[in-house]
C-alpha cells in the first residue's frame, strides 16, 4: 500500500503542490480524467491550473473533468452551487468542452435517474485518474455522510447538519434539500487520490483520520484502504498532531 503525507507551509504552498501533481499527471496522460471537489480548500489549486494552461495550453487539449458532487434542489447557476465553481474555475479557464465533462445537474426532475446517468457515464469513461477531495468536518468525503453503511455508487444523499453549515451555502439563493454524490466505490476506484486539508478548523477531523480506524461513521477513513493516495495539508491543520505512520 502506498500512502504519504505531504505538509505545506500554508494554503498557498499546499495548493501549488496539488496543482503541480495534477500537471505532472496530465503530462503522463493527456486525456487525464480529474475528479474535482468544490469548496474553498481546492479553489487556489484550480486557479493555479488555469495559470499553467495560460502558459502552456497544449497539454490541456484532451483534459477531462468529473464533478465530485452537487447540492440538490438549487439552480445550476446558483452562486453557491458546485457547478458555478466548476464553470468559473475550471471549465471556462481550461476550455473543457461539454463532451469532456461529467457532472450532476443540481435541479434534475428525477434525482435517482440523474445519479444513474452519471454512474453509467463514469463506468464507460472512467475510472478516474486523479481525484481531488476535501475533508468534511464530520469526516465525510464528497457527500458520503457518516452512516451505518456507505453507498458504493452515485446516489442521492441525505445531508447532515454539519454539511448544511458549509460556507458555500452562505451564497445560495435557497438552501439545498439533498445532495448528489459519487459513491465511495467510485472514489476508491480512482488511480490516485489527493486529500487536501488546510487550516486549524480541520485539525480535529484530521486528528481522527490519523488514527487510521476505518469506520463508516468517518467515511474519509476508507482512504487508508486505497493503494495510492496522498494527504496534502498545511501546518495550521497539523499543529500538535502525530504524523508518524
C-alpha atoms as a PDB file:
ATOM      1  CA  UNK A   1       0.000   0.000   0.000  1.00  0.00           C
ATOM      2  CA  UNK A   2       1.337   3.435  -0.951  1.00  0.00           C
ATOM      3  CA  UNK A   3       0.122   6.350   1.131  1.00  0.00           C
ATOM      4  CA  UNK A   4       2.001   9.508   2.038  1.00  0.00           C
ATOM      5  CA  UNK A   5       1.637  12.744   3.966  1.00  0.00           C
ATOM      6  CA  UNK A   6       2.952  15.993   2.494  1.00  0.00           C
ATOM      7  CA  UNK A   7       2.821  19.099   4.698  1.00  0.00           C
ATOM      8  CA  UNK A   8       2.964  22.526   3.093  1.00  0.00           C
ATOM      9  CA  UNK A   9       3.894  25.707   4.909  1.00  0.00           C
ATOM     10  CA  UNK A  10       0.496  27.287   4.260  1.00  0.00           C
ATOM     11  CA  UNK A  11      -2.529  27.071   1.964  1.00  0.00           C
ATOM     12  CA  UNK A  12      -0.624  28.616  -0.952  1.00  0.00           C
ATOM     13  CA  UNK A  13       2.169  26.066  -0.649  1.00  0.00           C
ATOM     14  CA  UNK A  14      -0.339  23.215  -0.334  1.00  0.00           C
ATOM     15  CA  UNK A  15      -2.173  24.468  -3.435  1.00  0.00           C
ATOM     16  CA  UNK A  16       0.996  24.684  -5.504  1.00  0.00           C
ATOM     17  CA  UNK A  17       1.940  21.142  -4.544  1.00  0.00           C
ATOM     18  CA  UNK A  18      -1.521  19.929  -5.577  1.00  0.00           C
ATOM     19  CA  UNK A  19      -1.527  21.841  -8.873  1.00  0.00           C
ATOM     20  CA  UNK A  20       1.929  20.543  -9.742  1.00  0.00           C
ATOM     21  CA  UNK A  21       0.818  16.955  -9.102  1.00  0.00           C
ATOM     22  CA  UNK A  22      -2.139  17.428 -11.448  1.00  0.00           C
ATOM     23  CA  UNK A  23       0.059  18.980 -14.145  1.00  0.00           C
ATOM     24  CA  UNK A  24       2.569  16.127 -13.805  1.00  0.00           C
ATOM     25  CA  UNK A  25      -0.241  13.559 -14.082  1.00  0.00           C
ATOM     26  CA  UNK A  26      -1.543  15.331 -17.185  1.00  0.00           C
ATOM     27  CA  UNK A  27       1.917  15.161 -18.761  1.00  0.00           C
ATOM     28  CA  UNK A  28       1.844  11.384 -18.285  1.00  0.00           C
ATOM     29  CA  UNK A  29      -1.747  11.005 -19.542  1.00  0.00           C
ATOM     30  CA  UNK A  30      -3.018  13.722 -21.917  1.00  0.00           C
ATOM     31  CA  UNK A  31      -6.672  12.658 -21.573  1.00  0.00           C
ATOM     32  CA  UNK A  32      -6.454  12.706 -17.769  1.00  0.00           C
ATOM     33  CA  UNK A  33      -9.830  12.372 -16.040  1.00  0.00           C
ATOM     34  CA  UNK A  34      -9.730  14.645 -12.998  1.00  0.00           C
ATOM     35  CA  UNK A  35     -12.416  14.429 -10.326  1.00  0.00           C
ATOM     36  CA  UNK A  36     -12.761  17.828  -8.679  1.00  0.00           C
ATOM     37  CA  UNK A  37     -14.262  18.713  -5.316  1.00  0.00           C
ATOM     38  CA  UNK A  38     -15.899  22.047  -4.640  1.00  0.00           C
ATOM     39  CA  UNK A  39     -15.280  24.319  -1.673  1.00  0.00           C
ATOM     40  CA  UNK A  40     -12.639  26.800  -0.584  1.00  0.00           C
ATOM     41  CA  UNK A  41      -9.744  24.394   0.034  1.00  0.00           C
ATOM     42  CA  UNK A  42      -9.105  23.415  -3.631  1.00  0.00           C
ATOM     43  CA  UNK A  43     -10.010  26.863  -5.026  1.00  0.00           C
ATOM     44  CA  UNK A  44      -6.417  28.118  -5.231  1.00  0.00           C
ATOM     45  CA  UNK A  45      -5.296  24.816  -6.773  1.00  0.00           C
ATOM     46  CA  UNK A  46      -7.777  25.354  -9.606  1.00  0.00           C
ATOM     47  CA  UNK A  47      -6.617  28.930 -10.110  1.00  0.00           C
ATOM     48  CA  UNK A  48      -3.037  27.700 -10.441  1.00  0.00           C
ATOM     49  CA  UNK A  49      -4.140  25.105 -13.020  1.00  0.00           C
ATOM     50  CA  UNK A  50      -5.635  27.942 -15.063  1.00  0.00           C
ATOM     51  CA  UNK A  51      -2.324  29.787 -14.818  1.00  0.00           C
ATOM     52  CA  UNK A  52      -0.495  26.689 -16.090  1.00  0.00           C
ATOM     53  CA  UNK A  53      -2.922  26.460 -19.000  1.00  0.00           C
ATOM     54  CA  UNK A  54      -2.340  30.098 -19.942  1.00  0.00           C
ATOM     55  CA  UNK A  55       1.413  29.495 -20.101  1.00  0.00           C
ATOM     56  CA  UNK A  56       1.237  26.054 -21.767  1.00  0.00           C
ATOM     57  CA  UNK A  57      -2.189  25.390 -23.313  1.00  0.00           C
ATOM     58  CA  UNK A  58      -1.333  22.304 -25.392  1.00  0.00           C
ATOM     59  CA  UNK A  59      -1.309  19.710 -22.552  1.00  0.00           C
ATOM     60  CA  UNK A  60      -4.888  20.652 -21.638  1.00  0.00           C
ATOM     61  CA  UNK A  61      -6.473  19.939 -25.032  1.00  0.00           C
ATOM     62  CA  UNK A  62      -7.775  16.491 -24.021  1.00  0.00           C
ATOM     63  CA  UNK A  63      -8.173  17.164 -20.296  1.00  0.00           C
ATOM     64  CA  UNK A  64     -11.401  15.658 -18.857  1.00  0.00           C
ATOM     65  CA  UNK A  65     -13.317  16.587 -15.729  1.00  0.00           C
ATOM     66  CA  UNK A  66     -15.877  14.958 -13.446  1.00  0.00           C
ATOM     67  CA  UNK A  67     -17.645  16.915 -10.706  1.00  0.00           C
ATOM     68  CA  UNK A  68     -17.426  15.098  -7.378  1.00  0.00           C
ATOM     69  CA  UNK A  69     -20.816  16.131  -6.008  1.00  0.00           C
ATOM     70  CA  UNK A  70     -23.530  18.766  -6.091  1.00  0.00           C
ATOM     71  CA  UNK A  71     -26.127  20.442  -3.898  1.00  0.00           C
ATOM     72  CA  UNK A  72     -29.572  19.226  -4.894  1.00  0.00           C
ATOM     73  CA  UNK A  73     -32.684  21.324  -5.331  1.00  0.00           C
ATOM     74  CA  UNK A  74     -30.936  24.560  -6.335  1.00  0.00           C
ATOM     75  CA  UNK A  75     -30.374  26.158  -9.725  1.00  0.00           C
ATOM     76  CA  UNK A  76     -27.312  25.234 -11.773  1.00  0.00           C
ATOM     77  CA  UNK A  77     -26.278  28.893 -11.901  1.00  0.00           C
ATOM     78  CA  UNK A  78     -26.837  29.469  -8.183  1.00  0.00           C
ATOM     79  CA  UNK A  79     -23.733  31.263  -6.827  1.00  0.00           C
ATOM     80  CA  UNK A  80     -23.366  28.596  -4.135  1.00  0.00           C
ATOM     81  CA  UNK A  81     -23.575  25.601  -6.478  1.00  0.00           C
ATOM     82  CA  UNK A  82     -20.631  23.346  -7.195  1.00  0.00           C
ATOM     83  CA  UNK A  83     -21.488  23.803 -10.880  1.00  0.00           C
ATOM     84  CA  UNK A  84     -20.911  27.541 -10.600  1.00  0.00           C
ATOM     85  CA  UNK A  85     -17.485  26.872  -9.126  1.00  0.00           C
ATOM     86  CA  UNK A  86     -16.585  24.278 -11.774  1.00  0.00           C
ATOM     87  CA  UNK A  87     -17.651  26.591 -14.608  1.00  0.00           C
ATOM     88  CA  UNK A  88     -15.844  29.601 -13.177  1.00  0.00           C
ATOM     89  CA  UNK A  89     -12.605  27.993 -12.032  1.00  0.00           C
ATOM     90  CA  UNK A  90     -12.071  25.012 -14.342  1.00  0.00           C
ATOM     91  CA  UNK A  91     -14.396  24.591 -17.309  1.00  0.00           C
ATOM     92  CA  UNK A  92     -14.132  28.093 -18.765  1.00  0.00           C
ATOM     93  CA  UNK A  93     -10.443  28.770 -17.913  1.00  0.00           C
ATOM     94  CA  UNK A  94      -9.294  25.337 -19.131  1.00  0.00           C
ATOM     95  CA  UNK A  95     -11.559  25.283 -22.189  1.00  0.00           C
ATOM     96  CA  UNK A  96     -13.227  21.985 -21.263  1.00  0.00           C
ATOM     97  CA  UNK A  97     -15.804  21.017 -23.894  1.00  0.00           C
ATOM     98  CA  UNK A  98     -19.164  19.528 -22.896  1.00  0.00           C
ATOM     99  CA  UNK A  99     -18.171  16.062 -24.104  1.00  0.00           C
ATOM    100  CA  UNK A 100     -15.176  16.133 -21.748  1.00  0.00           C
ATOM    101  CA  UNK A 101     -17.214  16.995 -18.661  1.00  0.00           C
ATOM    102  CA  UNK A 102     -19.266  14.712 -16.406  1.00  0.00           C
ATOM    103  CA  UNK A 103     -21.366  16.479 -13.806  1.00  0.00           C
ATOM    104  CA  UNK A 104     -24.555  16.116 -11.822  1.00  0.00           C
ATOM    105  CA  UNK A 105     -27.383  18.513 -12.614  1.00  0.00           C
ATOM    106  CA  UNK A 106     -28.327  20.341  -9.432  1.00  0.00           C
ATOM    107  CA  UNK A 107     -32.024  20.518 -10.291  1.00  0.00           C
ATOM    108  CA  UNK A 108     -32.925  17.239 -12.043  1.00  0.00           C
ATOM    109  CA  UNK A 109     -36.552  16.218 -12.480  1.00  0.00           C
ATOM    110  CA  UNK A 110     -35.575  12.758 -11.234  1.00  0.00           C
ATOM    111  CA  UNK A 111     -32.559  12.800  -8.875  1.00  0.00           C
ATOM    112  CA  UNK A 112     -32.197   8.996  -8.816  1.00  0.00           C
ATOM    113  CA  UNK A 113     -32.173   8.873 -12.627  1.00  0.00           C
ATOM    114  CA  UNK A 114     -29.588  11.652 -12.673  1.00  0.00           C
ATOM    115  CA  UNK A 115     -27.322   9.650 -10.381  1.00  0.00           C
ATOM    116  CA  UNK A 116     -27.722   6.612 -12.623  1.00  0.00           C
ATOM    117  CA  UNK A 117     -26.807   8.732 -15.654  1.00  0.00           C
ATOM    118  CA  UNK A 118     -23.592   9.933 -14.015  1.00  0.00           C
ATOM    119  CA  UNK A 119     -22.754   6.425 -12.790  1.00  0.00           C
ATOM    120  CA  UNK A 120     -23.165   4.913 -16.266  1.00  0.00           C
ATOM    121  CA  UNK A 121     -21.101   7.599 -17.936  1.00  0.00           C
ATOM    122  CA  UNK A 122     -18.308   7.271 -15.383  1.00  0.00           C
ATOM    123  CA  UNK A 123     -18.379   3.484 -15.803  1.00  0.00           C
ATOM    124  CA  UNK A 124     -17.973   3.996 -19.546  1.00  0.00           C
ATOM    125  CA  UNK A 125     -15.326   6.740 -19.494  1.00  0.00           C
ATOM    126  CA  UNK A 126     -13.547   6.047 -16.203  1.00  0.00           C
ATOM    127  CA  UNK A 127     -12.060   5.141 -13.917  1.00  0.00           C
ATOM    128  CA  UNK A 128     -10.987   8.488 -12.500  1.00  0.00           C
ATOM    129  CA  UNK A 129      -7.271   9.072 -12.959  1.00  0.00           C
ATOM    130  CA  UNK A 130      -6.805  11.635 -10.194  1.00  0.00           C
ATOM    131  CA  UNK A 131      -9.400  12.520  -7.548  1.00  0.00           C
ATOM    132  CA  UNK A 132      -9.144  15.735  -5.525  1.00  0.00           C
ATOM    133  CA  UNK A 133     -11.018  15.518  -2.218  1.00  0.00           C
ATOM    134  CA  UNK A 134     -11.609  17.688   0.822  1.00  0.00           C
ATOM    135  CA  UNK A 135     -12.164  16.529   4.398  1.00  0.00           C
ATOM    136  CA  UNK A 136     -15.556  17.308   5.904  1.00  0.00           C
ATOM    137  CA  UNK A 137     -15.858  18.445   9.496  1.00  0.00           C
ATOM    138  CA  UNK A 138     -17.750  15.216  10.244  1.00  0.00           C
ATOM    139  CA  UNK A 139     -15.370  13.078   8.193  1.00  0.00           C
ATOM    140  CA  UNK A 140     -17.413  12.994   5.007  1.00  0.00           C
ATOM    141  CA  UNK A 141     -15.811  12.829   1.576  1.00  0.00           C
ATOM    142  CA  UNK A 142     -17.940  14.202  -1.235  1.00  0.00           C
ATOM    143  CA  UNK A 143     -21.453  13.859   0.237  1.00  0.00           C
ATOM    144  CA  UNK A 144     -20.833  10.387   1.606  1.00  0.00           C
ATOM    145  CA  UNK A 145     -22.024  11.159   5.120  1.00  0.00           C
ATOM    146  CA  UNK A 146     -21.324   9.183   8.314  1.00  0.00           C
ATOM    147  CA  UNK A 147     -23.817   6.308   8.417  1.00  0.00           C
ATOM    148  CA  UNK A 148     -24.316   2.653   9.272  1.00  0.00           C
ATOM    149  CA  UNK A 149     -23.370   1.822   5.672  1.00  0.00           C
ATOM    150  CA  UNK A 150     -21.993   3.762   2.704  1.00  0.00           C
ATOM    151  CA  UNK A 151     -23.318   3.808  -0.858  1.00  0.00           C
ATOM    152  CA  UNK A 152     -20.848   2.426  -3.413  1.00  0.00           C
ATOM    153  CA  UNK A 153     -22.085   4.354  -6.460  1.00  0.00           C
ATOM    154  CA  UNK A 154     -23.541   7.740  -7.406  1.00  0.00           C
ATOM    155  CA  UNK A 155     -26.522   8.414  -5.194  1.00  0.00           C
ATOM    156  CA  UNK A 156     -28.933  10.907  -3.704  1.00  0.00           C
ATOM    157  CA  UNK A 157     -27.535  11.890  -0.313  1.00  0.00           C
ATOM    158  CA  UNK A 158     -29.323  12.960   2.814  1.00  0.00           C
ATOM    159  CA  UNK A 159     -27.225  15.857   4.083  1.00  0.00           C
ATOM    160  CA  UNK A 160     -26.020  16.043   7.671  1.00  0.00           C
ATOM    161  CA  UNK A 161     -26.444  19.233   9.688  1.00  0.00           C
ATOM    162  CA  UNK A 162     -22.664  19.732   9.645  1.00  0.00           C
ATOM    163  CA  UNK A 163     -22.706  19.604   5.841  1.00  0.00           C
ATOM    164  CA  UNK A 164     -25.593  22.067   5.588  1.00  0.00           C
ATOM    165  CA  UNK A 165     -23.407  24.519   7.526  1.00  0.00           C
ATOM    166  CA  UNK A 166     -20.843  24.510   4.684  1.00  0.00           C
ATOM    167  CA  UNK A 167     -19.592  28.026   3.842  1.00  0.00           C
ATOM    168  CA  UNK A 168     -20.542  27.566   0.162  1.00  0.00           C
ATOM    169  CA  UNK A 169     -24.196  27.636   1.158  1.00  0.00           C
ATOM    170  CA  UNK A 170     -23.937  31.171   2.502  1.00  0.00           C
ATOM    171  CA  UNK A 171     -24.074  32.221  -1.165  1.00  0.00           C
ATOM    172  CA  UNK A 172     -27.114  30.192  -2.198  1.00  0.00           C
ATOM    173  CA  UNK A 173     -30.415  31.806  -3.089  1.00  0.00           C
ATOM    174  CA  UNK A 174     -32.267  28.874  -1.496  1.00  0.00           C
ATOM    175  CA  UNK A 175     -30.946  26.027   0.696  1.00  0.00           C
ATOM    176  CA  UNK A 176     -30.417  22.582  -0.876  1.00  0.00           C
ATOM    177  CA  UNK A 177     -32.827  19.814   0.038  1.00  0.00           C
ATOM    178  CA  UNK A 178     -30.494  16.893  -0.742  1.00  0.00           C
ATOM    179  CA  UNK A 179     -27.128  16.087  -2.292  1.00  0.00           C
ATOM    180  CA  UNK A 180     -25.945  14.219  -5.373  1.00  0.00           C
ATOM    181  CA  UNK A 181     -22.633  12.470  -4.933  1.00  0.00           C
ATOM    182  CA  UNK A 182     -20.226   9.931  -6.319  1.00  0.00           C
ATOM    183  CA  UNK A 183     -20.154   6.852  -4.099  1.00  0.00           C
ATOM    184  CA  UNK A 184     -17.242   5.519  -2.084  1.00  0.00           C
ATOM    185  CA  UNK A 185     -16.522   2.692  -4.528  1.00  0.00           C
ATOM    186  CA  UNK A 186     -16.324   5.126  -7.464  1.00  0.00           C
ATOM    187  CA  UNK A 187     -13.959   7.327  -5.459  1.00  0.00           C
ATOM    188  CA  UNK A 188     -11.795   4.413  -4.306  1.00  0.00           C
ATOM    189  CA  UNK A 189     -11.530   3.142  -7.895  1.00  0.00           C
ATOM    190  CA  UNK A 190      -9.537   6.295  -8.709  1.00  0.00           C
ATOM    191  CA  UNK A 191      -5.978   5.573  -9.776  1.00  0.00           C
ATOM    192  CA  UNK A 192      -4.678   8.307  -7.463  1.00  0.00           C
ATOM    193  CA  UNK A 193      -6.298  10.401  -4.728  1.00  0.00           C
ATOM    194  CA  UNK A 194      -5.253  13.727  -3.209  1.00  0.00           C
ATOM    195  CA  UNK A 195      -6.924  14.720   0.053  1.00  0.00           C
ATOM    196  CA  UNK A 196      -6.463  18.448   0.687  1.00  0.00           C
ATOM    197  CA  UNK A 197      -6.755  19.641   4.297  1.00  0.00           C
ATOM    198  CA  UNK A 198      -5.987  23.168   5.437  1.00  0.00           C
ATOM    199  CA  UNK A 199      -6.491  25.399   8.414  1.00  0.00           C
ATOM    200  CA  UNK A 200      -6.864  24.985  12.161  1.00  0.00           C
ATOM    201  CA  UNK A 201     -10.611  24.378  11.733  1.00  0.00           C
ATOM    202  CA  UNK A 202      -9.823  20.999  10.167  1.00  0.00           C
ATOM    203  CA  UNK A 203      -7.397  19.911  12.883  1.00  0.00           C
ATOM    204  CA  UNK A 204      -9.878  17.772  14.820  1.00  0.00           C
ATOM    205  CA  UNK A 205     -11.226  15.793  11.825  1.00  0.00           C
ATOM    206  CA  UNK A 206      -7.623  15.379  10.678  1.00  0.00           C
ATOM    207  CA  UNK A 207      -6.679  14.095  14.130  1.00  0.00           C
ATOM    208  CA  UNK A 208      -9.385  11.446  13.845  1.00  0.00           C
ATOM    209  CA  UNK A 209      -8.306  10.485  10.312  1.00  0.00           C
ATOM    210  CA  UNK A 210      -4.757   9.951  11.523  1.00  0.00           C
ATOM    211  CA  UNK A 211      -5.956   7.321  13.997  1.00  0.00           C
ATOM    212  CA  UNK A 212      -6.340   5.020  10.957  1.00  0.00           C
ATOM    213  CA  UNK A 213      -9.511   3.477  12.378  1.00  0.00           C
ATOM    214  CA  UNK A 214     -11.660   2.518   9.386  1.00  0.00           C
ATOM    215  CA  UNK A 215     -15.345   3.064  10.031  1.00  0.00           C
ATOM    216  CA  UNK A 216     -18.451   4.101   8.075  1.00  0.00           C
ATOM    217  CA  UNK A 217     -19.012   6.682  10.819  1.00  0.00           C
ATOM    218  CA  UNK A 218     -15.975   8.543   9.422  1.00  0.00           C
ATOM    219  CA  UNK A 219     -16.028   7.948   5.653  1.00  0.00           C
ATOM    220  CA  UNK A 220     -12.635   9.558   4.997  1.00  0.00           C
ATOM    221  CA  UNK A 221     -11.063   6.696   6.954  1.00  0.00           C
ATOM    222  CA  UNK A 222     -11.698   4.449   3.931  1.00  0.00           C
ATOM    223  CA  UNK A 223      -8.880   6.246   2.131  1.00  0.00           C
ATOM    224  CA  UNK A 224      -6.480   4.120   4.179  1.00  0.00           C
ATOM    225  CA  UNK A 225      -7.630   1.193   2.021  1.00  0.00           C
ATOM    226  CA  UNK A 226      -6.544   2.905  -1.193  1.00  0.00           C
ATOM    227  CA  UNK A 227      -3.236   1.812  -2.760  1.00  0.00           C
ATOM    228  CA  UNK A 228      -2.142   5.271  -3.955  1.00  0.00           C
ATOM    229  CA  UNK A 229      -3.251   8.346  -2.048  1.00  0.00           C
ATOM    230  CA  UNK A 230      -1.639  11.431  -0.547  1.00  0.00           C
ATOM    231  CA  UNK A 231      -2.710  13.614   2.346  1.00  0.00           C
ATOM    232  CA  UNK A 232      -1.737  17.176   1.398  1.00  0.00           C
ATOM    233  CA  UNK A 233      -2.125  19.518   4.353  1.00  0.00           C
ATOM    234  CA  UNK A 234      -0.710  22.708   5.834  1.00  0.00           C
ATOM    235  CA  UNK A 235       0.971  23.430   9.134  1.00  0.00           C
ATOM    236  CA  UNK A 236      -2.103  25.057  10.640  1.00  0.00           C
ATOM    237  CA  UNK A 237      -4.050  21.814  10.184  1.00  0.00           C
ATOM    238  CA  UNK A 238      -1.273  19.579  11.556  1.00  0.00           C
ATOM    239  CA  UNK A 239      -0.103  21.622  14.540  1.00  0.00           C
ATOM    240  CA  UNK A 240       0.249  19.325  17.526  1.00  0.00           C
ATOM    241  CA  UNK A 241      -0.742  16.181  15.599  1.00  0.00           C
ATOM    242  CA  UNK A 242       1.262  12.968  15.313  1.00  0.00           C
ATOM    243  CA  UNK A 243       2.020  12.421  11.641  1.00  0.00           C
ATOM    244  CA  UNK A 244       4.125   9.291  12.124  1.00  0.00           C
ATOM    245  CA  UNK A 245       2.919   6.202  10.189  1.00  0.00           C
END
